[in-house]
Amino acid sequence: MHSRPRILGGIQKRNVHYEHDIHYVMQLCRWILKPIGIWHFVHSRSSQNKRLLPTTLIFTCISVLCFVLVPSGSYVLLREKDIYVKVKLFGPIGFCLTSAVKYCFLGARGTAIGRCIEHVEDDWRIVRHADHRNMMLKNVLVGRRLTTLCVLFLYTGGLSYHTIMPLSAKVKMNDSFTIRPLVYPGYDQFFDSQASPAYEIVFCMHCLSSVIQYTITTAACSLAAIFATHACGQVQILSTLLNDVVDGKRNDENTTVEKRLRVITMHHVRVLRFTADVEEVLREICLMELVAATLIICLLEFYCMMYSKIGSAAYEVNWYDLHGHKALDLKMIITISQYPPKLTAGKFCDLSLNTFSTVLKTSVVYLNLLRTVTE
């Protein structure tokens, strides 16, 4: 640390390791945002001469997403008549749609995101004490781990869905014809999607669209993790400053209580402004995440509940026309169908609409309790 901070660009640069720290904080986010062309528009120090590449990347990503949404969306809304098939396709198509919307919000909020990134970088430049820097680094590690987990879960699960499932679900109609399914249907109204090389091209485009979708989702999660953990680190620093407001033992030079309170107030206002900017940046994206997650959970539960229809179907057959005790053979089917498979969260609770409502109600109760205690 420098004992005498030097003024450069209006920022007192006290942290001699700020370049390494900023690189460490933004590394994963930069890796994720660059392939989808967003990093250039959110980072003010990106070269203006390199605008062509990110613009091309954005155009490519939007084109690939439209390649999926236009045929499959029209197929589900206009052509498919089976309600169960519609519901089954709402999951992947809905996720693709929400990813496209989040992508648009990331681009539209580019300036605000860049302002938040600059705020984070400035906080790393002006950090004074070594233990404050260690607090911030610990929170950065949490954010990096959250981003890494998001990447692992999304890409392993999502790419498996887009690659292994279609390749392993071939339906052989006869000796000379085999249906090769696609994750997103609807291309047969434009061309024969089963013929080669049309099928291979569409299959590769679907895989590319999945990579784009998961990169967009990971980008949103990465930004949220960086900003949230940074705010947590600043709050921890503010707490240490408050603990030292009376004694003033942590200061490099003798200061009065009034000066220490002034520093604390300025730091608090800075944190509040940062959180307000983050809320402005992420509110629409968080809404889309909530809608998409709720939709996917409800659809998964709906798929599992379809097994409960077996009992009703078994009961509604003309079992009374069967001879002797043969009707009792249906009893086992009816009994088993009363316990359909369910999607659970760690074996602790079922993922259903009732559980989701209960979680929301409980969170509101806890929020009111915390507000009552802290007031």
Protein backbone atom coordinates (compact mmCIF):
# COMPACT_ATOMS: atom_id res chain seq x y z
CA MET A 1 0.00 0.00 0.00
CA HIS A 2 1.11 3.60 -0.64
CA SER A 3 1.18 5.78 2.43
CA ARG A 4 0.51 8.80 0.22
CA PRO A 5 -2.24 8.13 -2.32
CA ARG A 6 -1.73 9.77 -5.68
CA ILE A 7 -4.53 11.38 -7.63
CA LEU A 8 -5.04 10.04 -11.15
CA GLY A 9 -8.18 10.56 -13.17
CA GLY A 10 -10.05 11.85 -10.11
CA ILE A 11 -9.53 8.56 -8.22
CA GLN A 12 -7.17 8.13 -5.28
CA LYS A 13 -5.27 4.98 -6.24
CA ARG A 14 -4.18 3.47 -2.96
CA ASN A 15 -4.20 -0.22 -3.98
CA VAL A 16 -0.96 -1.07 -5.78
CA HIS A 17 -2.46 -4.44 -6.80
CA TYR A 18 -5.57 -2.92 -8.39
CA GLU A 19 -4.74 -4.03 -11.95
CA HIS A 20 -4.37 -7.66 -10.89
CA ASP A 21 -7.46 -7.45 -8.70
CA ILE A 22 -9.64 -5.95 -11.43
CA HIS A 23 -8.45 -8.60 -13.88
CA TYR A 24 -9.29 -11.31 -11.33
CA VAL A 25 -12.76 -9.87 -10.70
CA MET A 26 -13.73 -9.41 -14.36
CA GLN A 27 -11.96 -12.40 -15.88
CA LEU A 28 -14.87 -14.85 -16.06
CA CYS A 29 -17.36 -12.13 -16.95
CA ARG A 30 -15.15 -10.95 -19.80
CA TRP A 31 -14.75 -14.50 -21.10
CA ILE A 32 -18.53 -14.94 -21.12
CA LEU A 33 -19.55 -11.56 -22.54
CA LYS A 34 -16.99 -11.44 -25.35
CA PRO A 35 -18.34 -14.40 -27.42
CA ILE A 36 -21.82 -12.85 -27.55
CA GLY A 37 -20.47 -9.39 -28.42
CA ILE A 38 -21.62 -7.57 -25.29
CA TRP A 39 -18.27 -6.84 -23.62
CA HIS A 40 -17.32 -4.16 -26.13
CA PHE A 41 -20.50 -2.20 -25.37
CA VAL A 42 -20.27 -2.41 -21.57
CA HIS A 43 -16.55 -1.77 -21.11
CA SER A 44 -15.62 1.85 -21.76
CA ARG A 45 -11.96 1.09 -22.43
CA SER A 46 -12.68 -1.32 -25.27
CA SER A 47 -11.13 -0.18 -28.52
CA GLN A 48 -13.50 1.67 -30.85
CA ASN A 49 -11.60 0.26 -33.81
CA LYS A 50 -12.79 -3.24 -32.95
CA ARG A 51 -16.51 -2.50 -33.25
CA LEU A 52 -17.01 -4.69 -36.33
CA LEU A 53 -16.37 -8.02 -34.58
CA PRO A 54 -18.83 -7.57 -31.66
CA THR A 55 -21.45 -6.19 -34.04
CA THR A 56 -21.03 -9.28 -36.23
CA LEU A 57 -21.27 -11.53 -33.16
CA ILE A 58 -24.50 -9.86 -32.00
CA PHE A 59 -26.03 -10.17 -35.48
CA THR A 60 -25.03 -13.85 -35.61
CA CYS A 61 -26.47 -14.62 -32.18
CA ILE A 62 -29.78 -12.92 -32.96
CA SER A 63 -29.99 -14.71 -36.32
CA VAL A 64 -29.40 -18.12 -34.74
CA LEU A 65 -32.01 -17.49 -32.05
CA CYS A 66 -34.52 -16.39 -34.69
CA PHE A 67 -33.68 -19.53 -36.69
CA VAL A 68 -35.02 -21.49 -33.71
CA LEU A 69 -37.88 -19.28 -32.57
CA VAL A 70 -39.61 -18.47 -35.86
CA PRO A 71 -40.29 -22.03 -37.14
CA SER A 72 -40.85 -23.65 -33.75
CA GLY A 73 -42.94 -20.79 -32.42
CA SER A 74 -45.25 -20.79 -35.41
CA TYR A 75 -45.46 -24.57 -35.25
CA VAL A 76 -46.55 -24.61 -31.60
CA LEU A 77 -48.97 -21.70 -31.87
CA LEU A 78 -50.57 -22.41 -35.25
CA ARG A 79 -50.01 -25.99 -36.40
CA GLU A 80 -49.77 -28.30 -33.41
CA LYS A 81 -53.23 -29.30 -32.14
CA ASP A 82 -52.29 -31.71 -29.32
CA ILE A 83 -52.30 -29.71 -26.08
CA TYR A 84 -49.84 -32.10 -24.43
CA VAL A 85 -47.34 -31.68 -27.25
CA LYS A 86 -47.77 -27.92 -26.98
CA VAL A 87 -47.02 -28.01 -23.27
CA LYS A 88 -44.04 -30.27 -23.86
CA LEU A 89 -42.55 -27.82 -26.37
CA PHE A 90 -43.25 -24.74 -24.26
CA GLY A 91 -40.27 -25.58 -22.05
CA PRO A 92 -37.38 -25.43 -24.57
CA ILE A 93 -39.03 -22.78 -26.75
CA GLY A 94 -39.87 -20.64 -23.73
CA PHE A 95 -36.29 -20.85 -22.50
CA CYS A 96 -35.02 -19.80 -25.91
CA LEU A 97 -37.46 -16.89 -25.99
CA THR A 98 -36.53 -15.65 -22.51
CA SER A 99 -32.84 -15.96 -23.43
CA ALA A 100 -33.43 -13.77 -26.48
CA VAL A 101 -35.25 -11.21 -24.34
CA LYS A 102 -32.44 -11.22 -21.76
CA TYR A 103 -29.96 -10.73 -24.58
CA CYS A 104 -31.85 -7.66 -25.74
CA PHE A 105 -31.87 -6.26 -22.21
CA LEU A 106 -28.14 -6.87 -21.86
CA GLY A 107 -27.56 -4.86 -25.01
CA ALA A 108 -30.03 -2.12 -24.08
CA ARG A 109 -28.50 -1.77 -20.59
CA GLY A 110 -24.93 -1.78 -21.89
CA THR A 111 -24.20 1.76 -20.73
CA ALA A 112 -25.62 1.14 -17.25
CA ILE A 113 -23.72 -2.14 -16.96
CA GLY A 114 -20.54 -0.34 -17.94
CA ARG A 115 -21.20 2.26 -15.26
CA CYS A 116 -21.51 -0.48 -12.63
CA ILE A 117 -18.30 -2.11 -13.86
CA GLU A 118 -16.48 1.22 -13.60
CA HIS A 119 -17.80 1.60 -10.06
CA VAL A 120 -16.41 -1.82 -9.14
CA GLU A 121 -13.03 -0.99 -10.69
CA ASP A 122 -12.86 2.33 -8.85
CA ASP A 123 -13.59 0.62 -5.52
CA TRP A 124 -10.65 -1.68 -6.14
CA ARG A 125 -8.39 1.27 -6.89
CA ILE A 126 -9.22 3.22 -3.72
CA VAL A 127 -9.25 0.35 -1.20
CA ARG A 128 -6.94 1.44 1.61
CA HIS A 129 -6.35 -1.41 4.09
CA ALA A 130 -5.06 -4.91 3.43
CA ASP A 131 -7.85 -6.56 5.42
CA HIS A 132 -10.44 -4.62 3.41
CA ARG A 133 -8.86 -5.96 0.24
CA ASN A 134 -8.96 -9.49 1.66
CA MET A 135 -12.68 -9.09 2.43
CA MET A 136 -13.32 -8.07 -1.13
CA LEU A 137 -11.24 -10.94 -2.50
CA LYS A 138 -13.19 -13.46 -0.43
CA ASN A 139 -16.44 -12.17 -1.86
CA VAL A 140 -14.99 -12.25 -5.36
CA LEU A 141 -14.17 -15.93 -4.85
CA VAL A 142 -17.81 -16.58 -3.96
CA GLY A 143 -18.93 -14.85 -7.15
CA ARG A 144 -16.47 -16.81 -9.29
CA ARG A 145 -17.68 -20.07 -7.77
CA LEU A 146 -21.30 -19.18 -8.45
CA THR A 147 -20.44 -18.38 -12.06
CA THR A 148 -18.49 -21.63 -12.43
CA LEU A 149 -21.39 -23.69 -11.04
CA CYS A 150 -23.77 -21.93 -13.41
CA VAL A 151 -21.53 -22.78 -16.36
CA LEU A 152 -21.18 -26.42 -15.33
CA PHE A 153 -24.88 -27.05 -14.76
CA LEU A 154 -26.12 -25.17 -17.81
CA TYR A 155 -23.68 -26.50 -20.36
CA THR A 156 -23.57 -30.12 -19.18
CA GLY A 157 -27.32 -30.46 -18.83
CA GLY A 158 -28.31 -28.25 -21.74
CA LEU A 159 -25.88 -29.57 -24.31
CA SER A 160 -26.81 -33.13 -23.36
CA TYR A 161 -30.44 -32.26 -24.01
CA HIS A 162 -29.62 -30.82 -27.42
CA THR A 163 -27.20 -33.54 -28.54
CA ILE A 164 -27.64 -36.88 -26.77
CA MET A 165 -31.43 -36.87 -26.66
CA PRO A 166 -32.07 -36.30 -30.40
CA LEU A 167 -29.34 -38.74 -31.44
CA SER A 168 -30.63 -41.47 -29.14
CA ALA A 169 -34.32 -41.02 -29.99
CA LYS A 170 -34.36 -42.12 -33.62
CA VAL A 171 -37.62 -43.74 -34.69
CA LYS A 172 -37.40 -46.42 -37.38
CA MET A 173 -40.55 -46.38 -39.52
CA ASN A 174 -39.52 -49.13 -41.94
CA ASP A 175 -36.42 -50.67 -43.45
CA SER A 176 -35.75 -47.68 -45.66
CA PHE A 177 -36.89 -44.70 -43.58
CA THR A 178 -35.95 -43.52 -40.11
CA ILE A 179 -37.23 -40.37 -38.42
CA ARG A 180 -34.46 -38.34 -36.85
CA PRO A 181 -36.06 -36.05 -34.26
CA LEU A 182 -35.06 -32.46 -33.62
CA VAL A 183 -35.31 -30.51 -30.39
CA TYR A 184 -37.26 -27.74 -32.13
CA PRO A 185 -39.80 -28.79 -34.78
CA GLY A 186 -41.48 -26.78 -37.53
CA TYR A 187 -38.91 -26.83 -40.34
CA ASP A 188 -40.89 -29.21 -42.53
CA GLN A 189 -43.07 -26.29 -43.68
CA PHE A 190 -39.99 -24.75 -45.32
CA PHE A 191 -37.93 -27.77 -46.45
CA ASP A 192 -37.42 -31.47 -45.84
CA SER A 193 -35.60 -31.43 -42.50
CA GLN A 194 -35.02 -35.21 -42.59
CA ALA A 195 -32.94 -35.17 -45.74
CA SER A 196 -29.19 -34.75 -45.67
CA PRO A 197 -27.48 -32.34 -45.34
CA ALA A 198 -30.50 -30.29 -44.19
CA TYR A 199 -30.87 -32.35 -41.00
CA GLU A 200 -27.20 -32.01 -40.10
CA ILE A 201 -27.29 -28.24 -40.68
CA VAL A 202 -30.40 -27.79 -38.55
CA PHE A 203 -28.96 -30.04 -35.84
CA CYS A 204 -25.74 -27.99 -35.70
CA MET A 205 -27.72 -24.74 -35.63
CA HIS A 206 -29.72 -26.07 -32.67
CA CYS A 207 -26.52 -26.93 -30.84
CA LEU A 208 -25.14 -23.47 -31.60
CA SER A 209 -28.35 -21.86 -30.37
CA SER A 210 -28.10 -23.82 -27.12
CA VAL A 211 -24.55 -22.53 -26.59
CA ILE A 212 -25.79 -18.97 -27.19
CA GLN A 213 -28.75 -19.40 -24.83
CA TYR A 214 -26.61 -20.77 -22.01
CA THR A 215 -23.96 -18.11 -22.57
CA ILE A 216 -26.60 -15.40 -22.25
CA THR A 217 -27.97 -16.94 -19.08
CA THR A 218 -24.48 -17.38 -17.66
CA ALA A 219 -23.64 -13.78 -18.54
CA ALA A 220 -26.64 -12.53 -16.59
CA CYS A 221 -25.76 -14.76 -13.62
CA SER A 222 -22.11 -13.68 -13.79
CA LEU A 223 -23.01 -9.98 -13.70
CA ALA A 224 -25.42 -10.55 -10.83
CA ALA A 225 -22.80 -12.54 -8.91
CA ILE A 226 -20.08 -9.90 -9.44
CA PHE A 227 -22.26 -6.98 -8.44
CA ALA A 228 -23.94 -8.71 -5.49
CA THR A 229 -20.72 -10.04 -3.99
CA HIS A 230 -19.02 -6.68 -4.51
CA ALA A 231 -21.84 -4.95 -2.65
CA CYS A 232 -21.48 -7.50 0.15
CA GLY A 233 -17.77 -6.73 0.39
CA GLN A 234 -18.44 -3.00 0.58
CA VAL A 235 -21.00 -3.52 3.34
CA GLN A 236 -18.45 -5.55 5.31
CA ILE A 237 -15.91 -2.74 4.91
CA LEU A 238 -18.56 -0.27 6.06
CA SER A 239 -19.14 -2.40 9.16
CA THR A 240 -15.44 -2.32 10.06
CA LEU A 241 -15.40 1.45 9.63
CA LEU A 242 -18.37 1.75 11.96
CA ASN A 243 -16.67 -0.41 14.56
CA ASP A 244 -13.68 1.93 14.44
CA VAL A 245 -15.62 5.20 14.51
CA VAL A 246 -15.01 5.78 18.22
CA ASP A 247 -11.36 4.75 18.67
CA GLY A 248 -9.99 5.51 15.23
CA LYS A 249 -7.13 3.06 15.61
CA ARG A 250 -7.20 1.93 11.98
CA ASN A 251 -6.44 5.33 10.47
CA ASP A 252 -3.00 6.18 9.14
CA GLU A 253 -3.12 9.63 10.74
CA ASN A 254 -4.94 11.27 13.59
CA THR A 255 -8.53 12.06 12.66
CA THR A 256 -11.53 13.30 14.54
CA VAL A 257 -14.81 11.49 15.02
CA GLU A 258 -16.46 13.95 12.67
CA LYS A 259 -14.02 13.12 9.87
CA ARG A 260 -14.47 9.40 10.41
CA LEU A 261 -18.25 9.83 10.31
CA ARG A 262 -17.89 11.84 7.12
CA VAL A 263 -15.89 9.01 5.49
CA ILE A 264 -18.47 6.45 6.64
CA THR A 265 -21.33 8.55 5.29
CA MET A 266 -19.65 9.01 1.91
CA HIS A 267 -18.89 5.29 1.72
CA HIS A 268 -22.49 4.42 2.62
CA VAL A 269 -23.89 6.77 -0.01
CA ARG A 270 -21.53 5.26 -2.58
CA VAL A 271 -22.76 1.76 -1.74
CA LEU A 272 -26.39 2.86 -1.97
CA ARG A 273 -25.81 4.44 -5.38
CA PHE A 274 -24.12 1.29 -6.61
CA THR A 275 -26.97 -0.96 -5.46
CA ALA A 276 -29.48 1.38 -7.10
CA ASP A 277 -27.55 1.16 -10.38
CA VAL A 278 -27.38 -2.64 -10.12
CA GLU A 279 -31.11 -2.84 -9.50
CA GLU A 280 -31.73 -0.72 -12.59
CA VAL A 281 -29.50 -2.97 -14.67
CA LEU A 282 -30.79 -6.34 -13.51
CA ARG A 283 -34.46 -5.86 -12.68
CA GLU A 284 -35.82 -6.90 -16.09
CA ILE A 285 -33.30 -9.73 -16.38
CA CYS A 286 -34.20 -11.01 -12.90
CA LEU A 287 -37.88 -10.87 -13.86
CA MET A 288 -37.21 -12.97 -16.94
CA GLU A 289 -35.19 -15.44 -14.84
CA LEU A 290 -38.05 -15.72 -12.35
CA VAL A 291 -40.63 -16.26 -15.09
CA ALA A 292 -38.47 -18.80 -16.94
CA ALA A 293 -37.55 -20.74 -13.79
CA THR A 294 -41.15 -20.83 -12.61
CA LEU A 295 -42.36 -21.93 -16.04
CA ILE A 296 -39.78 -24.70 -16.30
CA ILE A 297 -40.48 -26.00 -12.79
CA CYS A 298 -44.23 -26.00 -13.37
CA LEU A 299 -43.85 -27.76 -16.74
CA LEU A 300 -41.59 -30.42 -15.24
CA GLU A 301 -44.13 -31.02 -12.50
CA PHE A 302 -46.86 -31.17 -15.13
CA TYR A 303 -44.96 -33.83 -17.08
CA CYS A 304 -44.61 -35.89 -13.91
CA MET A 305 -48.30 -35.47 -13.05
CA MET A 306 -49.26 -37.00 -16.39
CA TYR A 307 -48.52 -40.40 -14.82
CA SER A 308 -51.46 -39.88 -12.48
CA LYS A 309 -53.78 -40.07 -15.51
CA ILE A 310 -53.04 -43.79 -15.73
CA GLY A 311 -55.19 -44.50 -12.66
CA SER A 312 -58.15 -42.61 -14.07
CA ALA A 313 -57.82 -44.37 -17.42
CA ALA A 314 -57.68 -47.77 -15.71
CA TYR A 315 -60.75 -46.97 -13.64
CA GLU A 316 -62.77 -45.68 -16.58
CA VAL A 317 -62.40 -48.83 -18.70
CA ASN A 318 -65.29 -51.27 -18.80
CA TRP A 319 -63.79 -53.38 -16.02
CA TYR A 320 -67.24 -54.65 -15.05
CA ASP A 321 -67.40 -56.61 -18.31
CA LEU A 322 -64.40 -58.72 -17.32
CA HIS A 323 -65.06 -62.25 -16.12
CA GLY A 324 -64.44 -63.40 -12.56
CA HIS A 325 -61.63 -61.77 -10.64
CA LYS A 326 -59.79 -60.50 -13.68
CA ALA A 327 -60.96 -56.99 -12.89
CA LEU A 328 -58.80 -57.13 -9.76
CA ASP A 329 -55.73 -57.19 -11.97
CA LEU A 330 -56.33 -53.49 -12.61
CA LYS A 331 -56.10 -52.76 -8.89
CA MET A 332 -52.30 -52.78 -8.91
CA ILE A 333 -52.17 -50.29 -11.78
CA ILE A 334 -54.61 -47.96 -10.03
CA THR A 335 -52.74 -48.19 -6.73
CA ILE A 336 -49.32 -47.48 -8.23
CA SER A 337 -50.68 -44.55 -10.23
CA GLN A 338 -51.76 -42.85 -7.01
CA TYR A 339 -48.06 -42.22 -6.28
CA PRO A 340 -46.73 -40.58 -9.46
CA PRO A 341 -43.04 -39.68 -9.77
CA LYS A 342 -42.26 -36.19 -8.53
CA LEU A 343 -39.48 -33.72 -9.05
CA THR A 344 -37.87 -32.87 -5.71
CA ALA A 345 -35.38 -30.36 -4.40
CA GLY A 346 -32.65 -32.46 -2.81
CA LYS A 347 -35.25 -35.00 -1.61
CA PHE A 348 -36.51 -32.37 0.84
CA CYS A 349 -39.66 -31.12 -0.88
CA ASP A 350 -41.64 -31.54 -4.08
CA LEU A 351 -41.26 -28.95 -6.81
CA SER A 352 -44.81 -27.92 -7.57
CA LEU A 353 -46.98 -24.82 -7.76
CA ASN A 354 -48.04 -25.31 -4.13
CA THR A 355 -44.41 -25.49 -3.01
CA PHE A 356 -43.56 -22.38 -5.00
CA SER A 357 -46.45 -20.49 -3.39
CA THR A 358 -45.37 -21.67 0.04
CA VAL A 359 -41.80 -20.49 -0.55
CA LEU A 360 -43.03 -17.06 -1.61
CA LYS A 361 -45.28 -16.77 1.44
CA THR A 362 -42.49 -17.89 3.76
CA SER A 363 -40.02 -15.43 2.25
CA VAL A 364 -42.47 -12.56 2.79
CA VAL A 365 -42.97 -13.63 6.42
CA TYR A 366 -39.20 -13.74 7.01
CA LEU A 367 -38.80 -10.37 5.31
CA ASN A 368 -41.38 -8.78 7.59
CA LEU A 369 -39.71 -10.42 10.59
CA LEU A 370 -36.29 -9.05 9.63
CA ARG A 371 -37.71 -5.58 9.08
CA THR A 372 -39.41 -5.68 12.47
CA VAL A 373 -36.24 -6.81 14.25
CA THR A 374 -33.94 -4.31 12.55
CA GLU A 375 -36.22 -1.29 12.98
